[in-house]
N, C-alpha and C. Protein backbone atom coordinates (compact mmCIF):
# COMPACT_ATOMS: atom_id res chain seq x y z
N MET A 1 -35.48 -11.08 -15.06
CA MET A 1 -36.10 -9.98 -14.39
C MET A 1 -35.29 -8.70 -14.55
N GLY A 2 -34.18 -8.76 -15.19
CA GLY A 2 -33.41 -7.56 -15.44
C GLY A 2 -32.42 -7.17 -14.36
N TYR A 3 -32.17 -8.04 -13.41
CA TYR A 3 -31.20 -7.70 -12.36
C TYR A 3 -29.81 -7.61 -12.95
N LYS A 4 -29.03 -6.66 -12.47
CA LYS A 4 -27.66 -6.50 -12.93
C LYS A 4 -26.64 -6.95 -11.90
N ARG A 5 -27.10 -7.06 -10.62
CA ARG A 5 -26.18 -7.41 -9.54
C ARG A 5 -26.95 -8.05 -8.40
N VAL A 6 -26.34 -9.07 -7.78
CA VAL A 6 -26.86 -9.69 -6.57
C VAL A 6 -25.84 -9.43 -5.48
N ILE A 7 -26.31 -9.02 -4.30
CA ILE A 7 -25.42 -8.69 -3.18
C ILE A 7 -25.73 -9.58 -1.99
N THR A 8 -24.70 -10.03 -1.30
CA THR A 8 -24.86 -10.77 -0.05
C THR A 8 -23.74 -10.35 0.90
N TYR A 9 -23.94 -10.61 2.17
CA TYR A 9 -22.97 -10.25 3.20
C TYR A 9 -22.62 -11.48 4.01
N ILE A 10 -21.35 -11.59 4.40
CA ILE A 10 -20.92 -12.66 5.29
C ILE A 10 -20.08 -12.06 6.39
N LEU A 11 -19.89 -12.81 7.47
CA LEU A 11 -19.04 -12.36 8.56
C LEU A 11 -17.58 -12.34 8.10
N LYS A 12 -16.83 -11.40 8.63
CA LYS A 12 -15.42 -11.24 8.23
C LYS A 12 -14.62 -12.51 8.50
N SER A 13 -15.00 -13.29 9.50
CA SER A 13 -14.27 -14.50 9.85
C SER A 13 -14.53 -15.64 8.86
N GLU A 14 -15.53 -15.52 8.01
CA GLU A 14 -15.83 -16.55 7.02
C GLU A 14 -14.96 -16.32 5.79
N ASN A 15 -14.55 -17.40 5.12
CA ASN A 15 -13.62 -17.25 4.00
C ASN A 15 -14.31 -17.05 2.65
N GLY A 16 -15.59 -17.30 2.54
CA GLY A 16 -16.32 -17.05 1.31
C GLY A 16 -16.04 -18.04 0.19
N ALA A 17 -15.60 -19.25 0.53
CA ALA A 17 -15.23 -20.24 -0.48
C ALA A 17 -16.38 -20.54 -1.44
N SER A 18 -17.59 -20.70 -0.92
CA SER A 18 -18.72 -21.02 -1.80
C SER A 18 -19.08 -19.83 -2.69
N LEU A 19 -18.88 -18.62 -2.18
CA LEU A 19 -19.13 -17.43 -3.00
C LEU A 19 -18.10 -17.31 -4.12
N LYS A 20 -16.83 -17.58 -3.79
CA LYS A 20 -15.78 -17.55 -4.81
C LYS A 20 -16.07 -18.58 -5.89
N ALA A 21 -16.50 -19.78 -5.48
CA ALA A 21 -16.81 -20.84 -6.43
C ALA A 21 -17.99 -20.48 -7.32
N SER A 22 -18.85 -19.59 -6.84
CA SER A 22 -20.02 -19.15 -7.61
C SER A 22 -19.77 -17.85 -8.37
N ASN A 23 -18.49 -17.48 -8.47
CA ASN A 23 -18.07 -16.28 -9.20
C ASN A 23 -18.56 -14.97 -8.60
N PHE A 24 -18.74 -14.93 -7.28
CA PHE A 24 -19.02 -13.67 -6.60
C PHE A 24 -17.69 -12.95 -6.41
N ILE A 25 -17.73 -11.64 -6.33
CA ILE A 25 -16.55 -10.80 -6.14
C ILE A 25 -16.66 -10.12 -4.78
N CYS A 26 -15.57 -10.19 -4.01
CA CYS A 26 -15.55 -9.51 -2.72
C CYS A 26 -15.37 -8.02 -2.96
N GLU A 27 -16.30 -7.22 -2.44
CA GLU A 27 -16.23 -5.77 -2.61
C GLU A 27 -15.67 -5.09 -1.37
N GLY A 28 -15.21 -5.88 -0.40
CA GLY A 28 -14.57 -5.31 0.78
C GLY A 28 -15.47 -5.27 2.00
N GLU A 29 -14.95 -4.61 3.02
CA GLU A 29 -15.65 -4.50 4.31
C GLU A 29 -16.88 -3.63 4.17
N ALA A 30 -17.92 -4.03 4.87
CA ALA A 30 -19.18 -3.28 4.80
C ALA A 30 -19.86 -3.28 6.16
N GLY A 31 -20.36 -2.13 6.54
CA GLY A 31 -21.16 -2.04 7.75
C GLY A 31 -20.37 -2.12 9.03
N GLY A 32 -21.12 -2.17 10.11
CA GLY A 32 -20.53 -2.21 11.43
C GLY A 32 -20.51 -3.60 12.01
N GLU A 33 -20.51 -3.66 13.32
CA GLU A 33 -20.43 -4.95 14.00
C GLU A 33 -21.79 -5.54 14.33
N ILE A 34 -22.87 -4.81 14.09
CA ILE A 34 -24.21 -5.34 14.36
C ILE A 34 -25.06 -5.21 13.11
N TRP A 35 -26.07 -6.06 13.00
CA TRP A 35 -27.01 -5.99 11.88
C TRP A 35 -28.00 -4.87 12.18
N THR A 36 -28.48 -4.21 11.16
CA THR A 36 -29.47 -3.16 11.33
C THR A 36 -30.75 -3.57 10.60
N GLY A 37 -31.81 -2.86 10.86
CA GLY A 37 -33.08 -3.16 10.21
C GLY A 37 -34.18 -3.40 11.22
N LYS A 38 -35.30 -3.90 10.75
CA LYS A 38 -36.47 -4.10 11.60
C LYS A 38 -36.19 -5.00 12.80
N ARG A 39 -35.35 -6.02 12.60
CA ARG A 39 -35.11 -6.99 13.66
C ARG A 39 -33.82 -6.72 14.43
N SER A 40 -33.27 -5.53 14.30
CA SER A 40 -31.97 -5.25 14.92
C SER A 40 -32.02 -5.25 16.44
N GLY A 41 -33.19 -5.11 17.04
CA GLY A 41 -33.30 -5.11 18.50
C GLY A 41 -33.18 -6.49 19.12
N ARG A 42 -33.26 -7.51 18.29
CA ARG A 42 -33.16 -8.89 18.78
C ARG A 42 -31.71 -9.34 18.82
N ASP A 43 -31.36 -10.06 19.86
CA ASP A 43 -30.04 -10.67 19.91
C ASP A 43 -30.23 -12.17 19.75
N ASN A 44 -30.13 -12.65 18.52
CA ASN A 44 -30.35 -14.06 18.24
C ASN A 44 -29.05 -14.85 18.24
N GLY A 45 -28.10 -14.42 19.02
CA GLY A 45 -26.82 -15.12 19.07
C GLY A 45 -25.93 -14.81 17.88
N VAL A 46 -26.23 -13.76 17.15
CA VAL A 46 -25.42 -13.39 15.99
C VAL A 46 -24.13 -12.74 16.50
N PRO A 47 -22.98 -13.24 16.04
CA PRO A 47 -21.71 -12.65 16.50
C PRO A 47 -21.61 -11.17 16.11
N LYS A 48 -21.04 -10.39 16.98
CA LYS A 48 -20.83 -8.97 16.70
C LYS A 48 -19.45 -8.81 16.08
N GLU A 49 -19.41 -8.85 14.77
CA GLU A 49 -18.14 -8.65 14.05
C GLU A 49 -18.43 -8.02 12.69
N LYS A 50 -17.39 -7.50 12.08
CA LYS A 50 -17.51 -6.84 10.78
C LYS A 50 -17.98 -7.83 9.72
N LYS A 51 -18.56 -7.28 8.65
CA LYS A 51 -19.01 -8.08 7.53
C LYS A 51 -18.24 -7.70 6.27
N THR A 52 -18.29 -8.59 5.27
CA THR A 52 -17.78 -8.26 3.95
C THR A 52 -18.93 -8.40 2.96
N ARG A 53 -18.91 -7.52 1.98
CA ARG A 53 -19.96 -7.54 0.95
C ARG A 53 -19.43 -8.25 -0.30
N TRP A 54 -20.26 -9.14 -0.84
CA TRP A 54 -19.94 -9.88 -2.05
C TRP A 54 -21.00 -9.61 -3.09
N ALA A 55 -20.60 -9.52 -4.34
CA ALA A 55 -21.54 -9.22 -5.42
C ALA A 55 -21.27 -10.12 -6.61
N LYS A 56 -22.34 -10.39 -7.34
CA LYS A 56 -22.23 -11.11 -8.61
C LYS A 56 -22.92 -10.25 -9.66
N TYR A 57 -22.20 -9.97 -10.73
CA TYR A 57 -22.71 -9.12 -11.80
C TYR A 57 -23.17 -9.98 -12.97
N PHE A 58 -24.24 -9.54 -13.61
CA PHE A 58 -24.80 -10.27 -14.75
C PHE A 58 -24.72 -9.43 -16.01
């Protein structure tokens, strides 16, 4: 499909072992302590902590 990069986010407290094993690269801290978007008004028990962004380049 022509994608050059896939991006995902994990909580800062997670170590990203499966992402490392899949050759994703940690791009550092991203965003705030809450998720944003259409469903941001819901509190589904998601921890309020920083996230890290991971990317895989093709």
